Amino acid sequence: MFNKKLIRLFFIILITVLIFVVIFIKIDLRKVGVALTSVDLRLFILAAAVSIFFNIFVAADKWRMILKGLGSSISFKEALLIISGSMPVRFILPLKLGELSRAVYLKRRKRIGFDYGISITVFEKVMNLFGILIILCSALFFYGIGLSGVNVISPMVLCVFPVDRLKKLRSNLFDFLKRMVSVFGRLNYSKRMWLLAYSVFFQFSELITACILFKAVGLSIPAYIIFIYIPVVVLLSNIPLTIAGLGTREAAIIFLFSKYGPQELLFTSAILISFIEHILPTVIGLIFLSPFIKNTLHGDYMVGNDPG
């Protein structure tokens, strides 16, 4: 089993490298270098501040609210430790391995069953998925985009999500639904709606930073285009084909926004989005990594309920 995961990790790294090789062949790297040195520093700092606020502080508060809704009290400080400390683990260990660290923490520190801890991480991801889908559907509805937009998006989804994977999804669907119901059923209606609204708010992070960074590199892209295509980019980059969506994100941005600027500027904005939204929070998480690992592996139990 471990060897199988290592093989999958190897292929994920390989796919990430190959995507970047293809991109590097098609674009002028000298122009990318010039674009990077010409980025508006004030806008870059603003985008970094937005990312830190959402991906660290809002994410920690959302995690705290989920646990509180399930009957397990947790302070904002501890939620911040869990979210930030697990970020480097999730980045280094892709697929599902990085997510296990949060479940292990909850089991050892909060006496929450391991399976239930995994269910909570799945629940959080599903809430985030619903959040980004709500933004996408709202943008499509508000701006009156017809089937032409769907026709552009659908082939990309099918290319990166082969039909044969549906068989595996179907075999795991029952267990997945049981986990979801076990978590969802413990929340009353008002808490479900509040968490869903909070997830929508959380998902605005990458849209806002994209708007800022497109402008920082000198691209003029209509806001409604960003609000339609960036959610698609987020969905595609969450498919576990590459490390933290690197490569997938850049390729998707170059393809979807091809009408709104040269490939070099689009690639520059894409790598800045990857850095601001994913690498920067991970680097900050290194500050919390040591106490997170120490508390996870060696800490004593803390007072808490066991909903598992």
C-alpha atoms as a PDB file:
ATOM      1  CA  MET A   1       0.000   0.000   0.000  1.00  0.00           C
ATOM      2  CA  PHE A   2       2.797   2.384   0.927  1.00  0.00           C
ATOM      3  CA  ASN A   3       4.683   1.516  -2.271  1.00  0.00           C
ATOM      4  CA  LYS A   4       1.540   2.203  -4.275  1.00  0.00           C
ATOM      5  CA  LYS A   5       1.258   5.665  -2.734  1.00  0.00           C
ATOM      6  CA  LEU A   6       4.915   6.342  -3.489  1.00  0.00           C
ATOM      7  CA  ILE A   7       4.344   5.368  -7.111  1.00  0.00           C
ATOM      8  CA  ARG A   8       1.354   7.707  -7.300  1.00  0.00           C
ATOM      9  CA  LEU A   9       3.428  10.475  -5.718  1.00  0.00           C
ATOM     10  CA  PHE A  10       6.152   9.898  -8.302  1.00  0.00           C
ATOM     11  CA  PHE A  11       3.661  10.233 -11.152  1.00  0.00           C
ATOM     12  CA  ILE A  12       2.153  13.362  -9.620  1.00  0.00           C
ATOM     13  CA  ILE A  13       5.601  14.955  -9.467  1.00  0.00           C
ATOM     14  CA  LEU A  14       6.285  13.788 -13.016  1.00  0.00           C
ATOM     15  CA  ILE A  15       3.024  15.262 -14.337  1.00  0.00           C
ATOM     16  CA  THR A  16       3.740  18.556 -12.563  1.00  0.00           C
ATOM     17  CA  VAL A  17       7.188  18.770 -14.167  1.00  0.00           C
ATOM     18  CA  LEU A  18       5.913  17.786 -17.618  1.00  0.00           C
ATOM     19  CA  ILE A  19       3.188  20.441 -17.586  1.00  0.00           C
ATOM     20  CA  PHE A  20       5.733  23.133 -16.758  1.00  0.00           C
ATOM     21  CA  VAL A  21       8.111  21.826 -19.447  1.00  0.00           C
ATOM     22  CA  VAL A  22       5.341  22.121 -22.044  1.00  0.00           C
ATOM     23  CA  ILE A  23       4.500  25.641 -20.858  1.00  0.00           C
ATOM     24  CA  PHE A  24       8.174  26.684 -20.921  1.00  0.00           C
ATOM     25  CA  ILE A  25       8.475  25.438 -24.498  1.00  0.00           C
ATOM     26  CA  LYS A  26       5.504  27.514 -25.647  1.00  0.00           C
ATOM     27  CA  ILE A  27       6.328  30.832 -23.946  1.00  0.00           C
ATOM     28  CA  ASP A  28       9.240  33.254 -23.930  1.00  0.00           C
ATOM     29  CA  LEU A  29      10.812  32.955 -20.473  1.00  0.00           C
ATOM     30  CA  ARG A  30      12.724  36.203 -20.952  1.00  0.00           C
ATOM     31  CA  LYS A  31       9.438  38.076 -21.244  1.00  0.00           C
ATOM     32  CA  VAL A  32       8.215  36.295 -18.114  1.00  0.00           C
ATOM     33  CA  GLY A  33      11.331  37.500 -16.288  1.00  0.00           C
ATOM     34  CA  VAL A  34      10.705  41.061 -17.434  1.00  0.00           C
ATOM     35  CA  ALA A  35       7.063  40.825 -16.347  1.00  0.00           C
ATOM     36  CA  LEU A  36       8.059  39.576 -12.894  1.00  0.00           C
ATOM     37  CA  THR A  37      10.463  42.476 -12.376  1.00  0.00           C
ATOM     38  CA  SER A  38       7.744  44.909 -13.494  1.00  0.00           C
ATOM     39  CA  VAL A  39       5.035  43.730 -11.084  1.00  0.00           C
ATOM     40  CA  ASP A  40       3.385  46.513  -9.083  1.00  0.00           C
ATOM     41  CA  LEU A  41       4.849  45.902  -5.626  1.00  0.00           C
ATOM     42  CA  ARG A  42       2.016  47.626  -3.774  1.00  0.00           C
ATOM     43  CA  LEU A  43      -0.595  45.448  -5.451  1.00  0.00           C
ATOM     44  CA  PHE A  44       1.527  42.368  -4.815  1.00  0.00           C
ATOM     45  CA  ILE A  45       1.686  43.179  -1.089  1.00  0.00           C
ATOM     46  CA  LEU A  46      -2.067  43.818  -1.054  1.00  0.00           C
ATOM     47  CA  ALA A  47      -2.710  40.413  -2.661  1.00  0.00           C
ATOM     48  CA  ALA A  48      -0.413  38.763  -0.095  1.00  0.00           C
ATOM     49  CA  ALA A  49      -2.322  40.423   2.759  1.00  0.00           C
ATOM     50  CA  VAL A  50      -5.654  39.227   1.345  1.00  0.00           C
ATOM     51  CA  SER A  51      -4.324  35.678   0.991  1.00  0.00           C
ATOM     52  CA  ILE A  52      -2.944  35.568   4.537  1.00  0.00           C
ATOM     53  CA  PHE A  53      -6.205  36.919   5.954  1.00  0.00           C
ATOM     54  CA  PHE A  54      -8.354  34.333   4.153  1.00  0.00           C
ATOM     55  CA  ASN A  55      -6.122  31.236   4.018  1.00  0.00           C
ATOM     56  CA  ILE A  56      -4.861  31.468   7.585  1.00  0.00           C
ATOM     57  CA  PHE A  57      -7.205  33.509   9.788  1.00  0.00           C
ATOM     58  CA  VAL A  58     -10.554  32.943   8.039  1.00  0.00           C
ATOM     59  CA  ALA A  59      -9.690  29.277   7.421  1.00  0.00           C
ATOM     60  CA  ALA A  60      -8.856  28.798  11.112  1.00  0.00           C
ATOM     61  CA  ASP A  61     -12.075  30.478  12.225  1.00  0.00           C
ATOM     62  CA  LYS A  62     -14.107  28.342   9.804  1.00  0.00           C
ATOM     63  CA  TRP A  63     -12.470  25.171  11.155  1.00  0.00           C
ATOM     64  CA  ARG A  64     -13.237  26.332  14.711  1.00  0.00           C
ATOM     65  CA  MET A  65     -16.876  26.925  13.772  1.00  0.00           C
ATOM     66  CA  ILE A  66     -17.216  23.470  12.229  1.00  0.00           C
ATOM     67  CA  LEU A  67     -15.897  21.785  15.370  1.00  0.00           C
ATOM     68  CA  LYS A  68     -18.034  24.009  17.597  1.00  0.00           C
ATOM     69  CA  GLY A  69     -21.111  23.100  15.578  1.00  0.00           C
ATOM     70  CA  LEU A  70     -20.266  19.437  16.158  1.00  0.00           C
ATOM     71  CA  GLY A  71     -20.022  19.918  19.912  1.00  0.00           C
ATOM     72  CA  SER A  72     -16.261  20.139  20.384  1.00  0.00           C
ATOM     73  CA  SER A  73     -15.012  23.428  21.797  1.00  0.00           C
ATOM     74  CA  ILE A  74     -11.775  24.694  20.351  1.00  0.00           C
ATOM     75  CA  SER A  75     -10.116  28.073  20.714  1.00  0.00           C
ATOM     76  CA  PHE A  76      -9.183  30.233  17.754  1.00  0.00           C
ATOM     77  CA  LYS A  77      -5.529  29.868  18.779  1.00  0.00           C
ATOM     78  CA  GLU A  78      -5.712  26.080  18.595  1.00  0.00           C
ATOM     79  CA  ALA A  79      -7.625  26.201  15.293  1.00  0.00           C
ATOM     80  CA  LEU A  80      -4.884  28.477  13.949  1.00  0.00           C
ATOM     81  CA  LEU A  81      -2.284  25.911  15.029  1.00  0.00           C
ATOM     82  CA  ILE A  82      -4.171  23.062  13.319  1.00  0.00           C
ATOM     83  CA  ILE A  83      -4.768  24.904  10.050  1.00  0.00           C
ATOM     84  CA  SER A  84      -1.364  26.584   9.740  1.00  0.00           C
ATOM     85  CA  GLY A  85       0.671  23.694  11.127  1.00  0.00           C
ATOM     86  CA  SER A  86      -0.925  21.178   8.776  1.00  0.00           C
ATOM     87  CA  MET A  87      -0.343  23.303   5.666  1.00  0.00           C
ATOM     88  CA  PRO A  88       3.292  22.233   5.142  1.00  0.00           C
ATOM     89  CA  VAL A  89       2.322  18.609   5.823  1.00  0.00           C
ATOM     90  CA  ARG A  90      -0.442  18.800   3.194  1.00  0.00           C
ATOM     91  CA  PHE A  91       1.916  20.441   0.706  1.00  0.00           C
ATOM     92  CA  ILE A  92       4.709  17.900   1.208  1.00  0.00           C
ATOM     93  CA  LEU A  93       2.357  14.916   1.318  1.00  0.00           C
ATOM     94  CA  PRO A  94      -0.199  15.311  -1.485  1.00  0.00           C
ATOM     95  CA  LEU A  95      -3.251  13.126  -2.142  1.00  0.00           C
ATOM     96  CA  LYS A  96      -5.041  12.241   1.128  1.00  0.00           C
ATOM     97  CA  LEU A  97      -1.940  11.800   3.276  1.00  0.00           C
ATOM     98  CA  GLY A  98      -1.638  15.434   4.300  1.00  0.00           C
ATOM     99  CA  GLU A  99      -5.260  15.545   5.438  1.00  0.00           C
ATOM    100  CA  LEU A 100      -4.652  12.712   7.897  1.00  0.00           C
ATOM    101  CA  SER A 101      -2.528  14.972  10.113  1.00  0.00           C
ATOM    102  CA  ARG A 102      -5.581  16.990  11.176  1.00  0.00           C
ATOM    103  CA  ALA A 103      -7.516  13.829  11.992  1.00  0.00           C
ATOM    104  CA  VAL A 104      -4.582  12.494  14.039  1.00  0.00           C
ATOM    105  CA  TYR A 105      -4.431  15.790  15.950  1.00  0.00           C
ATOM    106  CA  LEU A 106      -8.164  15.657  16.720  1.00  0.00           C
ATOM    107  CA  LYS A 107      -7.874  12.057  17.910  1.00  0.00           C
ATOM    108  CA  ARG A 108      -4.906  12.633  20.208  1.00  0.00           C
ATOM    109  CA  ARG A 109      -5.774  16.098  21.491  1.00  0.00           C
ATOM    110  CA  LYS A 110      -9.581  16.239  21.397  1.00  0.00           C
ATOM    111  CA  ARG A 111     -10.532  12.546  21.744  1.00  0.00           C
ATOM    112  CA  ILE A 112     -12.394  12.653  18.455  1.00  0.00           C
ATOM    113  CA  GLY A 113     -12.450   9.318  16.660  1.00  0.00           C
ATOM    114  CA  PHE A 114     -10.023   9.055  13.753  1.00  0.00           C
ATOM    115  CA  ASP A 115     -12.703   8.119  11.210  1.00  0.00           C
ATOM    116  CA  TYR A 116     -14.840  10.986  12.409  1.00  0.00           C
ATOM    117  CA  GLY A 117     -11.862  13.345  12.142  1.00  0.00           C
ATOM    118  CA  ILE A 118     -11.417  12.286   8.526  1.00  0.00           C
ATOM    119  CA  SER A 119     -15.131  12.881   7.980  1.00  0.00           C
ATOM    120  CA  ILE A 120     -14.757  16.434   9.271  1.00  0.00           C
ATOM    121  CA  THR A 121     -11.945  17.161   6.796  1.00  0.00           C
ATOM    122  CA  VAL A 122     -14.093  15.725   4.001  1.00  0.00           C
ATOM    123  CA  PHE A 123     -17.026  17.839   5.168  1.00  0.00           C
ATOM    124  CA  GLU A 124     -14.876  20.985   5.088  1.00  0.00           C
ATOM    125  CA  LYS A 125     -13.712  20.224   1.539  1.00  0.00           C
ATOM    126  CA  VAL A 126     -17.272  19.608   0.377  1.00  0.00           C
ATOM    127  CA  MET A 127     -18.372  22.919   1.898  1.00  0.00           C
ATOM    128  CA  ASN A 128     -15.536  24.639   0.022  1.00  0.00           C
ATOM    129  CA  LEU A 129     -16.590  22.868  -3.168  1.00  0.00           C
ATOM    130  CA  PHE A 130     -20.183  24.030  -2.727  1.00  0.00           C
ATOM    131  CA  GLY A 131     -18.883  27.528  -2.031  1.00  0.00           C
ATOM    132  CA  ILE A 132     -16.921  27.793  -5.276  1.00  0.00           C
ATOM    133  CA  LEU A 133     -19.770  26.211  -7.271  1.00  0.00           C
ATOM    134  CA  ILE A 134     -22.221  28.754  -5.850  1.00  0.00           C
ATOM    135  CA  ILE A 135     -19.895  31.577  -6.920  1.00  0.00           C
ATOM    136  CA  LEU A 136     -19.517  30.081 -10.408  1.00  0.00           C
ATOM    137  CA  CYS A 137     -23.242  29.472 -10.897  1.00  0.00           C
ATOM    138  CA  SER A 138     -24.094  32.925  -9.541  1.00  0.00           C
ATOM    139  CA  ALA A 139     -21.643  34.559 -11.941  1.00  0.00           C
ATOM    140  CA  LEU A 140     -22.992  32.588 -14.895  1.00  0.00           C
ATOM    141  CA  PHE A 141     -26.563  33.506 -13.963  1.00  0.00           C
ATOM    142  CA  PHE A 142     -25.892  37.160 -13.144  1.00  0.00           C
ATOM    143  CA  TYR A 143     -23.958  37.860 -16.321  1.00  0.00           C
ATOM    144  CA  GLY A 144     -26.247  35.783 -18.530  1.00  0.00           C
ATOM    145  CA  ILE A 145     -23.557  33.494 -19.890  1.00  0.00           C
ATOM    146  CA  GLY A 146     -25.075  30.858 -22.159  1.00  0.00           C
ATOM    147  CA  LEU A 147     -24.011  27.354 -23.094  1.00  0.00           C
ATOM    148  CA  SER A 148     -20.985  28.674 -24.976  1.00  0.00           C
ATOM    149  CA  GLY A 149     -19.173  29.155 -21.679  1.00  0.00           C
ATOM    150  CA  VAL A 150     -20.018  25.612 -20.607  1.00  0.00           C
ATOM    151  CA  ASN A 151     -18.781  24.286 -23.963  1.00  0.00           C
ATOM    152  CA  VAL A 152     -15.380  25.839 -23.286  1.00  0.00           C
ATOM    153  CA  ILE A 153     -15.148  24.473 -19.742  1.00  0.00           C
ATOM    154  CA  SER A 154     -16.480  20.935 -20.260  1.00  0.00           C
ATOM    155  CA  PRO A 155     -13.681  19.594 -22.517  1.00  0.00           C
ATOM    156  CA  MET A 156     -11.053  20.708 -19.987  1.00  0.00           C
ATOM    157  CA  VAL A 157     -12.836  18.921 -17.158  1.00  0.00           C
ATOM    158  CA  LEU A 158     -13.143  15.729 -19.209  1.00  0.00           C
ATOM    159  CA  CYS A 159      -9.488  15.852 -20.255  1.00  0.00           C
ATOM    160  CA  VAL A 160      -8.201  15.993 -16.678  1.00  0.00           C
ATOM    161  CA  PHE A 161     -10.930  13.749 -15.232  1.00  0.00           C
ATOM    162  CA  PRO A 162     -11.114  10.581 -17.369  1.00  0.00           C
ATOM    163  CA  VAL A 163     -14.427   8.762 -17.535  1.00  0.00           C
ATOM    164  CA  ASP A 164     -12.906   5.504 -16.280  1.00  0.00           C
ATOM    165  CA  ARG A 165     -12.356   7.134 -12.887  1.00  0.00           C
ATOM    166  CA  LEU A 166     -16.110   7.229 -12.408  1.00  0.00           C
ATOM    167  CA  LYS A 167     -16.062   3.491 -11.647  1.00  0.00           C
ATOM    168  CA  LYS A 168     -13.716   4.033  -8.728  1.00  0.00           C
ATOM    169  CA  LEU A 169     -15.798   6.978  -7.565  1.00  0.00           C
ATOM    170  CA  ARG A 170     -18.921   4.847  -7.625  1.00  0.00           C
ATOM    171  CA  SER A 171     -17.292   2.161  -5.500  1.00  0.00           C
ATOM    172  CA  ASN A 172     -16.302   4.728  -2.858  1.00  0.00           C
ATOM    173  CA  LEU A 173     -19.506   6.751  -3.039  1.00  0.00           C
ATOM    174  CA  PHE A 174     -21.424   4.820  -0.383  1.00  0.00           C
ATOM    175  CA  ASP A 175     -18.724   5.196   2.279  1.00  0.00           C
ATOM    176  CA  PHE A 176     -18.328   8.853   1.349  1.00  0.00           C
ATOM    177  CA  LEU A 177     -22.054   9.520   1.742  1.00  0.00           C
ATOM    178  CA  LYS A 178     -22.135   7.753   5.100  1.00  0.00           C
ATOM    179  CA  ARG A 179     -19.342   9.992   6.353  1.00  0.00           C
ATOM    180  CA  MET A 180     -21.001  13.104   5.027  1.00  0.00           C
ATOM    181  CA  VAL A 181     -24.363  12.250   6.586  1.00  0.00           C
ATOM    182  CA  SER A 182     -22.718  11.469   9.935  1.00  0.00           C
ATOM    183  CA  VAL A 183     -21.260  14.978  10.052  1.00  0.00           C
ATOM    184  CA  PHE A 184     -24.031  16.891   8.306  1.00  0.00           C
ATOM    185  CA  GLY A 185     -26.729  15.293  10.453  1.00  0.00           C
ATOM    186  CA  ARG A 186     -25.202  16.679  13.640  1.00  0.00           C
ATOM    187  CA  LEU A 187     -25.657  20.276  12.476  1.00  0.00           C
ATOM    188  CA  ASN A 188     -28.969  22.073  12.671  1.00  0.00           C
ATOM    189  CA  TYR A 189     -30.315  23.945   9.658  1.00  0.00           C
ATOM    190  CA  SER A 190     -29.073  27.395  10.700  1.00  0.00           C
ATOM    191  CA  LYS A 191     -25.528  26.117  11.304  1.00  0.00           C
ATOM    192  CA  ARG A 192     -25.496  24.354   7.940  1.00  0.00           C
ATOM    193  CA  MET A 193     -26.529  27.528   6.121  1.00  0.00           C
ATOM    194  CA  TRP A 194     -24.089  29.655   8.107  1.00  0.00           C
ATOM    195  CA  LEU A 195     -21.168  27.322   7.329  1.00  0.00           C
ATOM    196  CA  LEU A 196     -22.145  27.241   3.665  1.00  0.00           C
ATOM    197  CA  ALA A 197     -22.267  31.052   3.553  1.00  0.00           C
ATOM    198  CA  TYR A 198     -18.908  31.205   5.325  1.00  0.00           C
ATOM    199  CA  SER A 199     -17.470  28.769   2.763  1.00  0.00           C
ATOM    200  CA  VAL A 200     -18.675  31.030  -0.062  1.00  0.00           C
ATOM    201  CA  PHE A 201     -16.986  33.966   1.656  1.00  0.00           C
ATOM    202  CA  PHE A 202     -13.776  31.931   2.105  1.00  0.00           C
ATOM    203  CA  GLN A 203     -13.668  30.983  -1.578  1.00  0.00           C
ATOM    204  CA  PHE A 204     -13.558  34.656  -2.600  1.00  0.00           C
ATOM    205  CA  SER A 205      -9.879  34.715  -1.623  1.00  0.00           C
ATOM    206  CA  GLU A 206      -8.500  33.418  -4.918  1.00  0.00           C
ATOM    207  CA  LEU A 207     -10.901  35.577  -6.928  1.00  0.00           C
ATOM    208  CA  ILE A 208      -9.805  38.737  -5.132  1.00  0.00           C
ATOM    209  CA  THR A 209      -6.098  37.932  -5.363  1.00  0.00           C
ATOM    210  CA  ALA A 210      -6.506  37.050  -9.048  1.00  0.00           C
ATOM    211  CA  CYS A 211      -8.140  40.423  -9.734  1.00  0.00           C
ATOM    212  CA  ILE A 212      -5.314  42.205  -7.930  1.00  0.00           C
ATOM    213  CA  LEU A 213      -2.496  40.214  -9.516  1.00  0.00           C
ATOM    214  CA  PHE A 214      -3.875  40.467 -13.055  1.00  0.00           C
ATOM    215  CA  LYS A 215      -3.813  44.217 -12.597  1.00  0.00           C
ATOM    216  CA  ALA A 216      -0.358  44.064 -10.978  1.00  0.00           C
ATOM    217  CA  VAL A 217       1.161  42.545 -14.144  1.00  0.00           C
ATOM    218  CA  GLY A 218      -0.669  44.971 -16.425  1.00  0.00           C
ATOM    219  CA  LEU A 219      -3.584  42.852 -17.629  1.00  0.00           C
ATOM    220  CA  SER A 220      -7.029  44.421 -18.028  1.00  0.00           C
ATOM    221  CA  ILE A 221      -9.515  41.585 -17.623  1.00  0.00           C
ATOM    222  CA  PRO A 222     -13.220  42.248 -16.978  1.00  0.00           C
ATOM    223  CA  ALA A 223     -14.251  41.338 -13.444  1.00  0.00           C
ATOM    224  CA  TYR A 224     -17.097  39.093 -14.617  1.00  0.00           C
ATOM    225  CA  ILE A 225     -14.642  37.013 -16.670  1.00  0.00           C
ATOM    226  CA  ILE A 226     -12.474  36.530 -13.583  1.00  0.00           C
ATOM    227  CA  PHE A 227     -15.519  35.581 -11.496  1.00  0.00           C
ATOM    228  CA  ILE A 228     -16.470  32.937 -14.053  1.00  0.00           C
ATOM    229  CA  TYR A 229     -13.117  31.427 -15.005  1.00  0.00           C
ATOM    230  CA  ILE A 230     -11.162  31.569 -11.727  1.00  0.00           C
ATOM    231  CA  PRO A 231     -13.708  29.236 -10.024  1.00  0.00           C
ATOM    232  CA  VAL A 232     -13.123  26.825 -12.924  1.00  0.00           C
ATOM    233  CA  VAL A 233      -9.376  27.149 -12.354  1.00  0.00           C
ATOM    234  CA  VAL A 234      -9.897  26.419  -8.637  1.00  0.00           C
ATOM    235  CA  LEU A 235     -11.972  23.319  -9.426  1.00  0.00           C
ATOM    236  CA  LEU A 236      -9.415  21.995 -11.909  1.00  0.00           C
ATOM    237  CA  SER A 237      -6.443  22.676  -9.642  1.00  0.00           C
ATOM    238  CA  ASN A 238      -8.111  20.727  -6.820  1.00  0.00           C
ATOM    239  CA  ILE A 239      -8.075  17.551  -8.895  1.00  0.00           C
ATOM    240  CA  PRO A 240      -5.065  15.625  -7.465  1.00  0.00           C
ATOM    241  CA  LEU A 241      -3.048  15.422 -10.680  1.00  0.00           C
ATOM    242  CA  THR A 242      -0.188  17.700  -9.632  1.00  0.00           C
ATOM    243  CA  ILE A 243       1.427  18.954  -6.421  1.00  0.00           C
ATOM    244  CA  ALA A 244      -0.886  21.543  -4.836  1.00  0.00           C
ATOM    245  CA  GLY A 245      -2.403  22.206  -8.274  1.00  0.00           C
ATOM    246  CA  LEU A 246       0.884  23.585  -9.617  1.00  0.00           C
ATOM    247  CA  GLY A 247       0.987  23.320 -13.386  1.00  0.00           C
ATOM    248  CA  THR A 248      -2.717  22.599 -13.666  1.00  0.00           C
ATOM    249  CA  ARG A 249      -3.505  26.089 -12.369  1.00  0.00           C
ATOM    250  CA  GLU A 250      -1.041  27.800 -14.713  1.00  0.00           C
ATOM    251  CA  ALA A 251      -2.152  25.839 -17.772  1.00  0.00           C
ATOM    252  CA  ALA A 252      -5.830  26.513 -17.031  1.00  0.00           C
ATOM    253  CA  ILE A 253      -5.267  30.258 -16.654  1.00  0.00           C
ATOM    254  CA  ILE A 254      -3.284  30.462 -19.901  1.00  0.00           C
ATOM    255  CA  PHE A 255      -6.008  28.539 -21.750  1.00  0.00           C
ATOM    256  CA  LEU A 256      -9.099  30.213 -20.311  1.00  0.00           C
ATOM    257  CA  PHE A 257      -7.801  33.795 -20.414  1.00  0.00           C
ATOM    258  CA  SER A 258      -5.994  33.483 -23.752  1.00  0.00           C
ATOM    259  CA  LYS A 259      -8.130  36.240 -25.308  1.00  0.00           C
ATOM    260  CA  TYR A 260      -7.209  38.780 -22.652  1.00  0.00           C
ATOM    261  CA  GLY A 261      -3.433  38.970 -22.833  1.00  0.00           C
ATOM    262  CA  PRO A 262      -0.177  37.404 -24.042  1.00  0.00           C
ATOM    263  CA  GLN A 263       0.781  33.998 -22.680  1.00  0.00           C
ATOM    264  CA  GLU A 264       3.815  35.412 -20.870  1.00  0.00           C
ATOM    265  CA  LEU A 265       1.730  37.846 -18.809  1.00  0.00           C
ATOM    266  CA  LEU A 266      -0.912  35.210 -18.133  1.00  0.00           C
ATOM    267  CA  PHE A 267       1.746  32.752 -16.967  1.00  0.00           C
ATOM    268  CA  THR A 268       3.309  35.442 -14.778  1.00  0.00           C
ATOM    269  CA  SER A 269      -0.021  36.172 -13.120  1.00  0.00           C
ATOM    270  CA  ALA A 270      -0.661  32.430 -12.732  1.00  0.00           C
ATOM    271  CA  ILE A 271       2.600  31.710 -10.920  1.00  0.00           C
ATOM    272  CA  LEU A 272       1.998  34.748  -8.705  1.00  0.00           C
ATOM    273  CA  ILE A 273      -1.468  33.395  -7.839  1.00  0.00           C
ATOM    274  CA  SER A 274       0.058  30.002  -7.007  1.00  0.00           C
ATOM    275  CA  PHE A 275       2.690  31.658  -4.836  1.00  0.00           C
ATOM    276  CA  ILE A 276       0.314  34.037  -3.045  1.00  0.00           C
ATOM    277  CA  GLU A 277      -2.542  31.588  -2.524  1.00  0.00           C
ATOM    278  CA  HIS A 278      -0.709  28.336  -1.850  1.00  0.00           C
ATOM    279  CA  ILE A 279       3.045  28.655  -1.334  1.00  0.00           C
ATOM    280  CA  LEU A 280       3.012  31.758   0.893  1.00  0.00           C
ATOM    281  CA  PRO A 281       0.489  30.321   3.420  1.00  0.00           C
ATOM    282  CA  THR A 282       2.542  27.106   3.468  1.00  0.00           C
ATOM    283  CA  VAL A 283       5.742  29.033   4.207  1.00  0.00           C
ATOM    284  CA  ILE A 284       3.987  30.875   7.046  1.00  0.00           C
ATOM    285  CA  GLY A 285       2.715  27.507   8.267  1.00  0.00           C
ATOM    286  CA  LEU A 286       6.324  26.422   8.840  1.00  0.00           C
ATOM    287  CA  ILE A 287       6.253  28.666  11.926  1.00  0.00           C
ATOM    288  CA  PHE A 288       3.503  26.449  13.382  1.00  0.00           C
ATOM    289  CA  LEU A 289       4.797  23.129  12.038  1.00  0.00           C
ATOM    290  CA  SER A 290       7.005  22.138  14.979  1.00  0.00           C
ATOM    291  CA  PRO A 291       4.390  22.725  17.741  1.00  0.00           C
ATOM    292  CA  PHE A 292       1.711  21.125  15.540  1.00  0.00           C
ATOM    293  CA  ILE A 293       3.750  17.943  15.074  1.00  0.00           C
ATOM    294  CA  LYS A 294       4.776  17.912  18.732  1.00  0.00           C
ATOM    295  CA  ASN A 295       1.195  18.278  19.953  1.00  0.00           C
ATOM    296  CA  THR A 296      -0.048  15.734  17.425  1.00  0.00           C
ATOM    297  CA  LEU A 297       2.454  12.993  18.155  1.00  0.00           C
ATOM    298  CA  HIS A 298       3.419  13.544  21.767  1.00  0.00           C
ATOM    299  CA  GLY A 299       0.765  15.729  23.394  1.00  0.00           C
ATOM    300  CA  ASP A 300      -1.547  14.719  26.194  1.00  0.00           C
ATOM    301  CA  TYR A 301      -5.281  14.689  25.692  1.00  0.00           C
ATOM    302  CA  MET A 302      -7.075  17.971  26.078  1.00  0.00           C
ATOM    303  CA  VAL A 303     -10.550  18.395  27.498  1.00  0.00           C
ATOM    304  CA  GLY A 304     -13.115  17.803  24.770  1.00  0.00           C
ATOM    305  CA  ASN A 305     -16.079  15.807  23.663  1.00  0.00           C
ATOM    306  CA  ASP A 306     -15.939  12.700  21.568  1.00  0.00           C
ATOM    307  CA  PRO A 307     -18.536  12.805  18.839  1.00  0.00           C
ATOM    308  CA  GLY A 308     -16.816   9.952  17.064  1.00  0.00           C
END
